[in-house]
Amino acid sequence: MPPTHSTAWDDQATRRAWTRLLICAALGQVLWPAAWVALLALYVITSITWTLWLFFVPMAYTFYRTFLQWAYWRGAFRARLLLRQYPWQMYEAPESGIGNIPGVRNGYAWLKFPNPELPDQQVTMVMHSHVRSIWWGGRLGKRAKPERKAQVREIWFAGDPRFAAVLAVPGPRRLYVIHQRPSYNPGVPADAHGAGPQARELARRAGVRVPDVSSIGG
């Protein structure tokens, strides 16, 4: 069971998990550019044309990761904002899958959580960002092996499914920031699933851009 604190951030293990997340982002900011420069230098030193094919894939990937690293930084600080506002909740085997539902592209992992103000209504959240999503995607699909699915049977959730949240497996481990998009819930009103003013204000404090109800629909 997750710790019973007023916010997830009050839990020491959660703060340690976030610190590891930040350290990984910092290391990536140094190591990926260094790896790209090293591969480029090695290619120049060899001075043999055919070796371009030997270095092309790793060079392209390290170059890609160098420019992607800002998303890891942003994700870490978004996670901190959410963890400082919401407590951990536990969901046992929530409905999930990979694509195959309206509004979700094939290959994207998704989960469904109850609407806090309308418990009978399920809100779909999609892992539209691939940053740190590979591990989750490999365990949420129907084709995942039983031992893999067992690793995400119990999911810790800090946030509001109508806006944004941090997902984790018990520990907490494998922190993942997930944001809501209206297109993932066709047929549901665009006003954040009927979220009340307190829920909206809490989401704003957690760094979520929440539109004013009066501005929705023009």
N, C-alpha and C. Protein backbone atom coordinates (compact mmCIF):
# COMPACT_ATOMS: atom_id res chain seq x y z
N MET A 1 0.83 -1.20 0.00
CA MET A 1 0.00 0.00 0.00
C MET A 1 0.88 1.26 0.00
N PRO A 2 0.42 2.32 -0.69
CA PRO A 2 1.20 3.56 -0.69
C PRO A 2 1.16 4.23 0.67
N PRO A 3 2.13 5.09 0.98
CA PRO A 3 2.14 5.78 2.26
C PRO A 3 0.95 6.72 2.40
N THR A 4 0.45 6.87 3.62
CA THR A 4 -0.72 7.72 3.87
C THR A 4 -0.26 9.08 4.38
N HIS A 5 0.12 9.94 3.47
CA HIS A 5 0.50 11.31 3.79
C HIS A 5 -0.45 12.25 3.08
N SER A 6 -0.46 13.50 3.50
CA SER A 6 -1.34 14.48 2.85
C SER A 6 -0.92 14.72 1.41
N THR A 7 0.38 14.62 1.14
CA THR A 7 0.88 14.67 -0.24
C THR A 7 1.94 13.58 -0.41
N ALA A 8 2.14 13.16 -1.65
CA ALA A 8 3.15 12.14 -1.92
C ALA A 8 4.55 12.63 -1.55
N TRP A 9 4.77 13.95 -1.67
CA TRP A 9 6.08 14.52 -1.40
C TRP A 9 6.47 14.39 0.07
N ASP A 10 5.50 14.23 0.95
CA ASP A 10 5.79 14.08 2.38
C ASP A 10 6.46 12.74 2.69
N ASP A 11 6.40 11.83 1.75
CA ASP A 11 7.00 10.50 1.93
C ASP A 11 8.47 10.54 1.55
N GLN A 12 9.34 10.11 2.44
CA GLN A 12 10.77 10.16 2.19
C GLN A 12 11.18 9.30 1.00
N ALA A 13 10.56 8.12 0.86
CA ALA A 13 10.90 7.25 -0.26
C ALA A 13 10.53 7.90 -1.60
N THR A 14 9.47 8.68 -1.61
CA THR A 14 9.07 9.38 -2.82
C THR A 14 10.10 10.44 -3.19
N ARG A 15 10.56 11.16 -2.19
CA ARG A 15 11.59 12.19 -2.47
C ARG A 15 12.87 11.54 -2.98
N ARG A 16 13.22 10.38 -2.44
CA ARG A 16 14.41 9.69 -2.94
C ARG A 16 14.20 9.25 -4.39
N ALA A 17 13.01 8.76 -4.70
CA ALA A 17 12.72 8.33 -6.07
C ALA A 17 12.82 9.51 -7.03
N TRP A 18 12.31 10.67 -6.60
CA TRP A 18 12.40 11.86 -7.46
C TRP A 18 13.85 12.31 -7.63
N THR A 19 14.64 12.23 -6.56
CA THR A 19 16.06 12.60 -6.66
C THR A 19 16.78 11.72 -7.67
N ARG A 20 16.47 10.43 -7.67
CA ARG A 20 17.07 9.53 -8.67
C ARG A 20 16.64 9.94 -10.07
N LEU A 21 15.39 10.35 -10.21
CA LEU A 21 14.90 10.80 -11.51
C LEU A 21 15.69 12.01 -12.00
N LEU A 22 15.93 12.95 -11.09
CA LEU A 22 16.68 14.16 -11.45
C LEU A 22 18.13 13.83 -11.77
N ILE A 23 18.73 12.93 -11.00
CA ILE A 23 20.13 12.54 -11.25
C ILE A 23 20.27 11.90 -12.62
N CYS A 24 19.32 11.04 -12.98
CA CYS A 24 19.36 10.41 -14.31
C CYS A 24 19.26 11.45 -15.42
N ALA A 25 18.41 12.46 -15.21
CA ALA A 25 18.28 13.53 -16.21
C ALA A 25 19.59 14.30 -16.33
N ALA A 26 20.23 14.57 -15.18
CA ALA A 26 21.50 15.31 -15.20
C ALA A 26 22.61 14.50 -15.86
N LEU A 27 22.68 13.22 -15.55
CA LEU A 27 23.70 12.38 -16.16
C LEU A 27 23.50 12.29 -17.66
N GLY A 28 22.25 12.16 -18.08
CA GLY A 28 21.96 12.10 -19.51
C GLY A 28 22.38 13.36 -20.24
N GLN A 29 22.23 14.52 -19.55
CA GLN A 29 22.59 15.80 -20.16
C GLN A 29 24.09 15.87 -20.43
N VAL A 30 24.87 15.12 -19.67
CA VAL A 30 26.33 15.11 -19.85
C VAL A 30 26.78 13.96 -20.74
N LEU A 31 26.24 12.77 -20.49
CA LEU A 31 26.76 11.57 -21.15
C LEU A 31 26.34 11.46 -22.61
N TRP A 32 25.08 11.82 -22.95
CA TRP A 32 24.66 11.68 -24.35
C TRP A 32 25.44 12.60 -25.29
N PRO A 33 25.63 13.89 -24.96
CA PRO A 33 26.47 14.73 -25.82
C PRO A 33 27.91 14.22 -25.90
N ALA A 34 28.44 13.75 -24.76
CA ALA A 34 29.81 13.23 -24.75
C ALA A 34 29.94 12.01 -25.65
N ALA A 35 28.93 11.15 -25.62
CA ALA A 35 28.96 9.95 -26.48
C ALA A 35 28.91 10.34 -27.95
N TRP A 36 28.10 11.34 -28.28
CA TRP A 36 28.01 11.78 -29.68
C TRP A 36 29.34 12.35 -30.15
N VAL A 37 29.96 13.20 -29.34
CA VAL A 37 31.25 13.79 -29.71
C VAL A 37 32.31 12.70 -29.85
N ALA A 38 32.30 11.73 -28.95
CA ALA A 38 33.29 10.64 -29.00
C ALA A 38 33.13 9.82 -30.28
N LEU A 39 31.90 9.49 -30.64
CA LEU A 39 31.67 8.72 -31.87
C LEU A 39 32.07 9.52 -33.10
N LEU A 40 31.76 10.80 -33.10
CA LEU A 40 32.14 11.65 -34.23
C LEU A 40 33.66 11.72 -34.36
N ALA A 41 34.33 11.89 -33.23
CA ALA A 41 35.79 11.96 -33.25
C ALA A 41 36.39 10.63 -33.73
N LEU A 42 35.82 9.53 -33.29
CA LEU A 42 36.32 8.23 -33.70
C LEU A 42 36.14 8.02 -35.20
N TYR A 43 35.01 8.49 -35.72
CA TYR A 43 34.77 8.37 -37.16
C TYR A 43 35.78 9.20 -37.94
N VAL A 44 36.05 10.43 -37.47
CA VAL A 44 37.00 11.31 -38.15
C VAL A 44 38.40 10.70 -38.11
N ILE A 45 38.76 10.11 -36.99
CA ILE A 45 40.09 9.52 -36.84
C ILE A 45 40.29 8.35 -37.80
N THR A 46 39.26 7.52 -37.95
CA THR A 46 39.40 6.36 -38.85
C THR A 46 39.57 6.77 -40.29
N SER A 47 38.88 7.85 -40.71
CA SER A 47 39.02 8.42 -42.06
C SER A 47 38.79 7.39 -43.16
N ILE A 48 37.91 6.45 -42.91
CA ILE A 48 37.57 5.45 -43.93
C ILE A 48 36.09 5.60 -44.24
N THR A 49 35.77 5.80 -45.52
CA THR A 49 34.40 6.12 -45.91
C THR A 49 33.40 5.07 -45.47
N TRP A 50 33.75 3.80 -45.62
CA TRP A 50 32.77 2.76 -45.33
C TRP A 50 32.39 2.69 -43.86
N THR A 51 33.23 3.26 -42.99
CA THR A 51 32.92 3.20 -41.56
C THR A 51 31.75 4.11 -41.18
N LEU A 52 31.33 4.97 -42.13
CA LEU A 52 30.19 5.82 -41.84
C LEU A 52 28.97 4.97 -41.46
N TRP A 53 28.79 3.86 -42.16
CA TRP A 53 27.65 3.00 -41.88
C TRP A 53 27.78 2.32 -40.52
N LEU A 54 29.00 2.12 -40.09
CA LEU A 54 29.23 1.51 -38.79
C LEU A 54 28.85 2.45 -37.66
N PHE A 55 29.07 3.76 -37.88
CA PHE A 55 28.83 4.75 -36.84
C PHE A 55 27.50 5.48 -36.98
N PHE A 56 26.85 5.36 -38.13
CA PHE A 56 25.68 6.19 -38.40
C PHE A 56 24.57 6.01 -37.37
N VAL A 57 24.18 4.77 -37.10
CA VAL A 57 23.06 4.53 -36.19
C VAL A 57 23.35 5.02 -34.77
N PRO A 58 24.49 4.61 -34.16
CA PRO A 58 24.75 5.12 -32.80
C PRO A 58 24.94 6.63 -32.76
N MET A 59 25.53 7.22 -33.82
CA MET A 59 25.69 8.68 -33.84
C MET A 59 24.33 9.38 -33.92
N ALA A 60 23.45 8.84 -34.78
CA ALA A 60 22.12 9.43 -34.92
C ALA A 60 21.34 9.33 -33.62
N TYR A 61 21.46 8.18 -32.94
CA TYR A 61 20.70 8.00 -31.70
C TYR A 61 21.22 8.92 -30.60
N THR A 62 22.54 9.01 -30.43
CA THR A 62 23.08 9.88 -29.38
C THR A 62 22.77 11.35 -29.67
N PHE A 63 22.76 11.73 -30.96
CA PHE A 63 22.40 13.10 -31.33
C PHE A 63 20.93 13.37 -30.97
N TYR A 64 20.08 12.40 -31.25
CA TYR A 64 18.65 12.49 -30.93
C TYR A 64 18.44 12.61 -29.43
N ARG A 65 19.14 11.77 -28.65
CA ARG A 65 18.97 11.80 -27.21
C ARG A 65 19.50 13.10 -26.60
N THR A 66 20.52 13.68 -27.22
CA THR A 66 21.06 14.95 -26.74
C THR A 66 19.98 16.04 -26.77
N PHE A 67 19.23 16.10 -27.86
CA PHE A 67 18.19 17.12 -27.99
C PHE A 67 16.89 16.73 -27.28
N LEU A 68 16.73 15.46 -26.98
CA LEU A 68 15.55 15.01 -26.26
C LEU A 68 15.69 15.22 -24.76
N GLN A 69 16.90 15.40 -24.29
CA GLN A 69 17.14 15.40 -22.85
C GLN A 69 16.38 16.47 -22.10
N TRP A 70 16.06 17.59 -22.77
CA TRP A 70 15.30 18.64 -22.09
C TRP A 70 13.96 18.10 -21.60
N ALA A 71 13.38 17.13 -22.33
CA ALA A 71 12.09 16.57 -21.93
C ALA A 71 12.23 15.80 -20.62
N TYR A 72 13.39 15.19 -20.37
CA TYR A 72 13.61 14.48 -19.11
C TYR A 72 13.69 15.46 -17.94
N TRP A 73 14.36 16.59 -18.19
CA TRP A 73 14.42 17.63 -17.16
C TRP A 73 13.01 18.16 -16.86
N ARG A 74 12.28 18.50 -17.91
CA ARG A 74 10.94 19.04 -17.74
C ARG A 74 10.04 18.03 -17.02
N GLY A 75 10.14 16.76 -17.39
CA GLY A 75 9.33 15.73 -16.74
C GLY A 75 9.62 15.61 -15.26
N ALA A 76 10.89 15.71 -14.90
CA ALA A 76 11.27 15.59 -13.49
C ALA A 76 10.65 16.72 -12.66
N PHE A 77 10.71 17.95 -13.16
CA PHE A 77 10.17 19.06 -12.37
C PHE A 77 8.64 19.11 -12.41
N ARG A 78 8.03 18.62 -13.49
CA ARG A 78 6.58 18.48 -13.49
C ARG A 78 6.13 17.44 -12.47
N ALA A 79 6.90 16.37 -12.37
CA ALA A 79 6.58 15.34 -11.38
C ALA A 79 6.65 15.92 -9.97
N ARG A 80 7.64 16.73 -9.70
CA ARG A 80 7.78 17.32 -8.36
C ARG A 80 6.58 18.20 -8.02
N LEU A 81 6.11 19.00 -8.97
CA LEU A 81 4.96 19.86 -8.72
C LEU A 81 3.72 19.03 -8.36
N LEU A 82 3.51 17.94 -9.10
CA LEU A 82 2.35 17.09 -8.83
C LEU A 82 2.48 16.37 -7.49
N LEU A 83 3.66 15.86 -7.22
CA LEU A 83 3.88 15.12 -5.97
C LEU A 83 3.73 16.01 -4.74
N ARG A 84 3.97 17.31 -4.90
CA ARG A 84 3.84 18.24 -3.77
C ARG A 84 2.40 18.64 -3.50
N GLN A 85 1.48 18.27 -4.38
CA GLN A 85 0.08 18.68 -4.22
C GLN A 85 -0.87 17.51 -3.97
N TYR A 86 -0.55 16.34 -4.50
CA TYR A 86 -1.47 15.21 -4.44
C TYR A 86 -0.90 14.06 -3.61
N PRO A 87 -1.74 13.32 -2.91
CA PRO A 87 -1.29 12.12 -2.19
C PRO A 87 -1.23 10.92 -3.13
N TRP A 88 -0.56 9.89 -2.71
CA TRP A 88 -0.57 8.64 -3.46
C TRP A 88 -1.91 7.93 -3.27
N GLN A 89 -2.42 7.39 -4.35
CA GLN A 89 -3.57 6.49 -4.31
C GLN A 89 -3.14 5.18 -4.97
N MET A 90 -3.80 4.11 -4.61
CA MET A 90 -3.45 2.81 -5.20
C MET A 90 -4.61 2.28 -6.01
N TYR A 91 -4.30 1.81 -7.22
CA TYR A 91 -5.31 1.18 -8.08
C TYR A 91 -4.85 -0.23 -8.42
N GLU A 92 -5.70 -1.17 -8.14
CA GLU A 92 -5.39 -2.58 -8.40
C GLU A 92 -5.86 -2.95 -9.80
N ALA A 93 -4.92 -3.28 -10.65
CA ALA A 93 -5.19 -3.74 -12.02
C ALA A 93 -6.20 -2.84 -12.75
N PRO A 94 -5.90 -1.55 -12.92
CA PRO A 94 -6.82 -0.69 -13.67
C PRO A 94 -6.88 -1.14 -15.13
N GLU A 95 -8.00 -0.84 -15.78
CA GLU A 95 -8.14 -1.21 -17.19
C GLU A 95 -7.06 -0.49 -18.00
N SER A 96 -6.39 -1.23 -18.87
CA SER A 96 -5.29 -0.65 -19.63
C SER A 96 -5.12 -1.41 -20.94
N GLY A 97 -4.27 -0.87 -21.81
CA GLY A 97 -4.01 -1.53 -23.08
C GLY A 97 -3.09 -0.70 -23.95
N ILE A 98 -2.93 -1.14 -25.19
CA ILE A 98 -2.11 -0.43 -26.18
C ILE A 98 -3.01 -0.15 -27.39
N GLY A 99 -3.36 1.12 -27.62
CA GLY A 99 -4.21 1.48 -28.74
C GLY A 99 -5.57 0.79 -28.68
N ASN A 100 -6.20 0.68 -29.85
CA ASN A 100 -7.47 -0.07 -30.01
C ASN A 100 -8.66 0.52 -29.27
N ILE A 101 -8.62 1.80 -28.92
CA ILE A 101 -9.81 2.48 -28.39
C ILE A 101 -9.91 3.83 -29.09
N PRO A 102 -11.12 4.38 -29.20
CA PRO A 102 -11.30 5.66 -29.90
C PRO A 102 -10.42 6.77 -29.34
N GLY A 103 -9.81 7.53 -30.25
CA GLY A 103 -8.99 8.67 -29.85
C GLY A 103 -7.56 8.34 -29.49
N VAL A 104 -7.20 7.06 -29.45
CA VAL A 104 -5.83 6.67 -29.08
C VAL A 104 -5.16 5.98 -30.26
N ARG A 105 -4.03 6.51 -30.66
CA ARG A 105 -3.31 5.93 -31.79
C ARG A 105 -2.71 4.58 -31.42
N ASN A 106 -2.60 3.72 -32.41
CA ASN A 106 -1.98 2.42 -32.19
C ASN A 106 -0.55 2.60 -31.69
N GLY A 107 -0.19 1.78 -30.73
CA GLY A 107 1.16 1.85 -30.17
C GLY A 107 1.26 2.69 -28.91
N TYR A 108 0.20 3.45 -28.59
CA TYR A 108 0.21 4.28 -27.39
C TYR A 108 -0.46 3.52 -26.23
N ALA A 109 0.24 3.45 -25.10
CA ALA A 109 -0.32 2.79 -23.92
C ALA A 109 -1.31 3.71 -23.22
N TRP A 110 -2.35 3.13 -22.65
CA TRP A 110 -3.36 3.92 -21.95
C TRP A 110 -3.85 3.18 -20.70
N LEU A 111 -4.40 3.95 -19.78
CA LEU A 111 -5.01 3.40 -18.57
C LEU A 111 -6.29 4.17 -18.29
N LYS A 112 -7.20 3.56 -17.54
CA LYS A 112 -8.44 4.21 -17.16
C LYS A 112 -8.53 4.29 -15.63
N PHE A 113 -8.88 5.49 -15.15
CA PHE A 113 -9.03 5.73 -13.72
C PHE A 113 -10.38 6.38 -13.46
N PRO A 114 -10.96 6.18 -12.28
CA PRO A 114 -12.26 6.78 -11.99
C PRO A 114 -12.18 8.30 -11.84
N ASN A 115 -13.20 8.97 -12.30
CA ASN A 115 -13.33 10.41 -12.13
C ASN A 115 -13.55 10.69 -10.64
N PRO A 116 -12.71 11.53 -10.00
CA PRO A 116 -12.85 11.77 -8.56
C PRO A 116 -14.22 12.28 -8.13
N GLU A 117 -14.90 13.02 -9.00
CA GLU A 117 -16.21 13.59 -8.64
C GLU A 117 -17.37 12.79 -9.22
N LEU A 118 -17.08 11.88 -10.13
CA LEU A 118 -18.10 11.00 -10.71
C LEU A 118 -17.51 9.60 -10.79
N PRO A 119 -17.43 8.87 -9.67
CA PRO A 119 -16.73 7.58 -9.61
C PRO A 119 -17.18 6.55 -10.64
N ASP A 120 -18.42 6.67 -11.12
CA ASP A 120 -18.89 5.70 -12.11
C ASP A 120 -18.35 5.98 -13.50
N GLN A 121 -17.74 7.14 -13.68
CA GLN A 121 -17.19 7.52 -14.98
C GLN A 121 -15.69 7.25 -15.01
N GLN A 122 -15.25 6.51 -16.03
CA GLN A 122 -13.82 6.21 -16.19
C GLN A 122 -13.18 7.26 -17.11
N VAL A 123 -12.01 7.72 -16.72
CA VAL A 123 -11.28 8.72 -17.49
C VAL A 123 -10.03 8.06 -18.08
N THR A 124 -9.89 8.15 -19.39
CA THR A 124 -8.75 7.55 -20.06
C THR A 124 -7.55 8.49 -20.05
N MET A 125 -6.40 7.96 -19.66
CA MET A 125 -5.15 8.72 -19.71
C MET A 125 -4.18 7.94 -20.60
N VAL A 126 -3.51 8.67 -21.49
CA VAL A 126 -2.66 8.05 -22.50
C VAL A 126 -1.21 8.47 -22.31
N MET A 127 -0.31 7.52 -22.47
CA MET A 127 1.12 7.80 -22.40
C MET A 127 1.57 8.33 -23.76
N HIS A 128 1.19 9.57 -24.05
CA HIS A 128 1.51 10.13 -25.35
C HIS A 128 2.97 10.54 -25.47
N SER A 129 3.65 10.70 -24.35
CA SER A 129 5.09 10.98 -24.38
C SER A 129 5.84 9.66 -24.25
N HIS A 130 6.80 9.43 -25.15
CA HIS A 130 7.54 8.18 -25.09
C HIS A 130 8.69 8.23 -24.09
N VAL A 131 8.91 9.41 -23.47
CA VAL A 131 9.96 9.52 -22.47
C VAL A 131 9.62 8.64 -21.27
N ARG A 132 10.42 7.64 -21.04
CA ARG A 132 10.25 6.66 -19.97
C ARG A 132 8.99 5.81 -20.10
N SER A 133 8.40 5.77 -21.29
CA SER A 133 7.16 5.01 -21.45
C SER A 133 7.40 3.58 -21.96
N ILE A 134 8.59 3.28 -22.45
CA ILE A 134 8.85 1.96 -23.02
C ILE A 134 8.63 0.87 -21.98
N TRP A 135 9.14 1.10 -20.78
CA TRP A 135 8.98 0.10 -19.72
C TRP A 135 7.51 -0.15 -19.45
N TRP A 136 6.70 0.91 -19.34
CA TRP A 136 5.28 0.76 -19.07
C TRP A 136 4.56 0.09 -20.24
N GLY A 137 4.84 0.54 -21.45
CA GLY A 137 4.18 -0.02 -22.61
C GLY A 137 4.41 -1.51 -22.78
N GLY A 138 5.57 -1.97 -22.35
CA GLY A 138 5.88 -3.39 -22.47
C GLY A 138 5.17 -4.25 -21.45
N ARG A 139 4.39 -3.63 -20.55
CA ARG A 139 3.72 -4.38 -19.49
C ARG A 139 2.21 -4.15 -19.43
N LEU A 140 1.72 -3.14 -20.15
CA LEU A 140 0.30 -2.82 -20.09
C LEU A 140 -0.52 -3.48 -21.20
N GLY A 141 0.11 -3.91 -22.27
CA GLY A 141 -0.61 -4.51 -23.38
C GLY A 141 -1.11 -5.92 -23.09
N LYS A 142 -2.11 -6.35 -23.84
CA LYS A 142 -2.67 -7.68 -23.65
C LYS A 142 -1.68 -8.78 -23.97
N ARG A 143 -0.71 -8.48 -24.84
CA ARG A 143 0.26 -9.49 -25.24
C ARG A 143 1.45 -9.59 -24.28
N ALA A 144 1.48 -8.74 -23.27
CA ALA A 144 2.59 -8.80 -22.31
C ALA A 144 2.56 -10.12 -21.55
N LYS A 145 3.72 -10.64 -21.27
CA LYS A 145 3.81 -11.90 -20.53
C LYS A 145 3.28 -11.71 -19.11
N PRO A 146 2.71 -12.76 -18.54
CA PRO A 146 2.10 -12.65 -17.20
C PRO A 146 3.04 -12.07 -16.15
N GLU A 147 4.32 -12.46 -16.19
CA GLU A 147 5.24 -11.96 -15.18
C GLU A 147 5.49 -10.46 -15.36
N ARG A 148 5.38 -9.98 -16.60
CA ARG A 148 5.53 -8.54 -16.83
C ARG A 148 4.28 -7.78 -16.39
N LYS A 149 3.11 -8.30 -16.73
CA LYS A 149 1.87 -7.65 -16.34
C LYS A 149 1.75 -7.58 -14.82
N ALA A 150 2.29 -8.59 -14.15
CA ALA A 150 2.23 -8.61 -12.68
C ALA A 150 2.97 -7.42 -12.08
N GLN A 151 3.97 -6.90 -12.80
CA GLN A 151 4.76 -5.78 -12.29
C GLN A 151 3.97 -4.47 -12.26
N VAL A 152 2.87 -4.40 -13.04
CA VAL A 152 2.06 -3.17 -13.04
C VAL A 152 0.64 -3.46 -12.57
N ARG A 153 0.46 -4.56 -11.88
CA ARG A 153 -0.87 -4.87 -11.38
C ARG A 153 -1.32 -3.84 -10.34
N GLU A 154 -0.40 -3.45 -9.48
CA GLU A 154 -0.68 -2.40 -8.50
C GLU A 154 0.01 -1.13 -8.95
N ILE A 155 -0.77 -0.08 -9.16
CA ILE A 155 -0.23 1.18 -9.65
C ILE A 155 -0.50 2.28 -8.64
N TRP A 156 0.53 3.02 -8.31
CA TRP A 156 0.39 4.19 -7.46
C TRP A 156 0.11 5.40 -8.34
N PHE A 157 -0.77 6.27 -7.88
CA PHE A 157 -1.25 7.38 -8.68
C PHE A 157 -1.31 8.64 -7.82
N ALA A 158 -0.61 9.69 -8.23
CA ALA A 158 -0.64 10.97 -7.52
C ALA A 158 -1.06 12.05 -8.51
N GLY A 159 -2.30 12.48 -8.41
CA GLY A 159 -2.79 13.48 -9.33
C GLY A 159 -4.28 13.40 -9.50
N ASP A 160 -4.76 13.92 -10.62
CA ASP A 160 -6.18 13.92 -10.96
C ASP A 160 -6.26 13.48 -12.41
N PRO A 161 -6.95 12.38 -12.72
CA PRO A 161 -6.98 11.87 -14.10
C PRO A 161 -7.58 12.86 -15.10
N ARG A 162 -8.29 13.86 -14.61
CA ARG A 162 -8.87 14.86 -15.51
C ARG A 162 -7.84 15.88 -15.96
N PHE A 163 -6.68 15.90 -15.28
CA PHE A 163 -5.66 16.89 -15.58
C PHE A 163 -4.28 16.26 -15.83
N ALA A 164 -3.68 15.75 -14.79
CA ALA A 164 -2.33 15.17 -14.90
C ALA A 164 -2.05 14.37 -13.64
N ALA A 165 -1.03 13.52 -13.73
CA ALA A 165 -0.69 12.68 -12.57
C ALA A 165 0.71 12.12 -12.74
N VAL A 166 1.22 11.60 -11.64
CA VAL A 166 2.46 10.81 -11.65
C VAL A 166 2.07 9.37 -11.39
N LEU A 167 2.50 8.48 -12.26
CA LEU A 167 2.27 7.05 -12.07
C LEU A 167 3.54 6.43 -11.52
N ALA A 168 3.38 5.36 -10.75
CA ALA A 168 4.54 4.64 -10.24
C ALA A 168 4.12 3.22 -9.89
N VAL A 169 5.10 2.36 -9.80
CA VAL A 169 4.84 1.03 -9.24
C VAL A 169 5.30 1.09 -7.79
N PRO A 170 4.81 0.17 -6.95
CA PRO A 170 5.12 0.25 -5.52
C PRO A 170 6.59 0.46 -5.24
N GLY A 171 6.84 1.37 -4.30
CA GLY A 171 8.22 1.69 -3.94
C GLY A 171 8.39 3.09 -3.35
N PRO A 172 8.09 4.16 -4.13
CA PRO A 172 7.66 4.12 -5.53
C PRO A 172 8.85 4.01 -6.47
N ARG A 173 8.58 3.43 -7.65
CA ARG A 173 9.59 3.30 -8.69
C ARG A 173 8.95 3.58 -10.05
N ARG A 174 9.79 3.82 -11.03
CA ARG A 174 9.35 4.04 -12.42
C ARG A 174 8.38 5.22 -12.52
N LEU A 175 8.74 6.34 -11.93
CA LEU A 175 7.88 7.52 -11.98
C LEU A 175 7.65 7.94 -13.42
N TYR A 176 6.40 8.22 -13.73
CA TYR A 176 6.04 8.63 -15.09
C TYR A 176 4.97 9.72 -15.01
N VAL A 177 5.21 10.87 -15.66
CA VAL A 177 4.24 11.96 -15.69
C VAL A 177 3.32 11.77 -16.88
N ILE A 178 2.01 11.81 -16.62
CA ILE A 178 1.02 11.60 -17.66
C ILE A 178 0.03 12.76 -17.64
N HIS A 179 -0.28 13.31 -18.83
CA HIS A 179 -1.16 14.47 -18.95
C HIS A 179 -2.42 14.11 -19.71
N GLN A 180 -3.49 14.78 -19.37
CA GLN A 180 -4.77 14.55 -20.03
C GLN A 180 -4.87 15.33 -21.33
N ARG A 181 -5.56 14.72 -22.30
CA ARG A 181 -5.90 15.40 -23.54
C ARG A 181 -7.36 15.08 -23.85
N PRO A 182 -8.19 16.10 -24.16
CA PRO A 182 -9.63 15.87 -24.36
C PRO A 182 -9.95 14.83 -25.42
N SER A 183 -9.12 14.73 -26.47
CA SER A 183 -9.42 13.80 -27.57
C SER A 183 -9.41 12.35 -27.12
N TYR A 184 -8.85 12.06 -25.95
CA TYR A 184 -8.78 10.68 -25.48
C TYR A 184 -10.07 10.23 -24.82
N ASN A 185 -11.00 11.14 -24.65
CA ASN A 185 -12.24 10.80 -24.00
C ASN A 185 -13.42 11.33 -24.82
N PRO A 186 -13.64 10.77 -26.01
CA PRO A 186 -14.70 11.26 -26.88
C PRO A 186 -16.07 11.15 -26.20
N GLY A 187 -16.89 12.17 -26.44
CA GLY A 187 -18.23 12.16 -25.86
C GLY A 187 -18.30 12.74 -24.47
N VAL A 188 -17.14 13.06 -23.88
CA VAL A 188 -17.12 13.64 -22.54
C VAL A 188 -16.95 15.15 -22.67
N PRO A 189 -17.70 15.96 -21.92
CA PRO A 189 -17.57 17.42 -22.03
C PRO A 189 -16.13 17.88 -21.90
N ALA A 190 -15.81 18.97 -22.60
CA ALA A 190 -14.42 19.46 -22.63
C ALA A 190 -14.02 20.17 -21.36
N ASP A 191 -14.98 20.43 -20.45
CA ASP A 191 -14.65 21.19 -19.25
C ASP A 191 -14.06 20.31 -18.15
N ALA A 192 -13.01 19.57 -18.51
CA ALA A 192 -12.27 18.74 -17.55
C ALA A 192 -13.19 17.80 -16.79
N HIS A 193 -14.15 17.18 -17.51
CA HIS A 193 -15.00 16.16 -16.91
C HIS A 193 -15.78 16.69 -15.71
N GLY A 194 -16.21 17.92 -15.81
CA GLY A 194 -17.02 18.48 -14.74
C GLY A 194 -16.26 18.80 -13.47
N ALA A 195 -14.97 19.01 -13.57
CA ALA A 195 -14.16 19.30 -12.38
C ALA A 195 -14.63 20.57 -11.71
N GLY A 196 -14.75 20.53 -10.39
CA GLY A 196 -15.18 21.68 -9.62
C GLY A 196 -14.05 22.68 -9.41
N PRO A 197 -14.36 23.83 -8.84
CA PRO A 197 -13.35 24.88 -8.66
C PRO A 197 -12.17 24.45 -7.78
N GLN A 198 -12.42 23.65 -6.75
CA GLN A 198 -11.32 23.22 -5.90
C GLN A 198 -10.36 22.32 -6.65
N ALA A 199 -10.90 21.40 -7.45
CA ALA A 199 -10.06 20.50 -8.24
C ALA A 199 -9.26 21.28 -9.25
N ARG A 200 -9.87 22.29 -9.85
CA ARG A 200 -9.17 23.12 -10.83
C ARG A 200 -8.04 23.92 -10.18
N GLU A 201 -8.32 24.47 -9.02
CA GLU A 201 -7.30 25.26 -8.34
C GLU A 201 -6.13 24.38 -7.90
N LEU A 202 -6.42 23.18 -7.43
CA LEU A 202 -5.36 22.26 -7.04
C LEU A 202 -4.51 21.89 -8.24
N ALA A 203 -5.14 21.66 -9.39
CA ALA A 203 -4.39 21.34 -10.60
C ALA A 203 -3.50 22.50 -11.02
N ARG A 204 -4.01 23.73 -10.88
CA ARG A 204 -3.19 24.90 -11.22
C ARG A 204 -1.97 24.99 -10.32
N ARG A 205 -2.16 24.72 -9.02
CA ARG A 205 -1.02 24.75 -8.09
C ARG A 205 0.00 23.68 -8.44
N ALA A 206 -0.47 22.61 -9.08
CA ALA A 206 0.44 21.53 -9.48
C ALA A 206 1.08 21.79 -10.84
N GLY A 207 0.88 23.00 -11.37
CA GLY A 207 1.55 23.37 -12.62
C GLY A 207 0.80 23.03 -13.88
N VAL A 208 -0.48 22.63 -13.77
CA VAL A 208 -1.27 22.27 -14.94
C VAL A 208 -1.99 23.51 -15.47
N ARG A 209 -1.97 23.67 -16.79
CA ARG A 209 -2.71 24.77 -17.40
C ARG A 209 -4.17 24.37 -17.51
N VAL A 210 -5.00 25.00 -16.72
CA VAL A 210 -6.42 24.67 -16.68
C VAL A 210 -7.22 25.82 -17.27
N PRO A 211 -7.97 25.58 -18.35
CA PRO A 211 -8.75 26.67 -18.95
C PRO A 211 -9.90 27.08 -18.04
N ASP A 212 -10.28 28.34 -18.10
CA ASP A 212 -11.44 28.81 -17.35
C ASP A 212 -12.69 28.21 -17.94
N VAL A 213 -13.63 27.84 -17.08
CA VAL A 213 -14.88 27.25 -17.55
C VAL A 213 -15.60 28.19 -18.50
N SER A 214 -15.54 29.50 -18.22
CA SER A 214 -16.25 30.48 -19.04
C SER A 214 -15.70 30.58 -20.45
N SER A 215 -14.42 30.17 -20.62
CA SER A 215 -13.80 30.28 -21.94
C SER A 215 -14.01 29.06 -22.79
N ILE A 216 -14.52 27.95 -22.20
CA ILE A 216 -14.70 26.70 -22.93
C ILE A 216 -15.94 26.82 -23.81
N GLY A 217 -15.77 26.47 -25.03
CA GLY A 217 -16.88 26.51 -25.97
C GLY A 217 -17.10 27.90 -26.55
N GLY A 218 -16.14 28.82 -26.33
CA GLY A 218 -16.23 30.15 -26.91
C GLY A 218 -17.01 31.10 -26.08
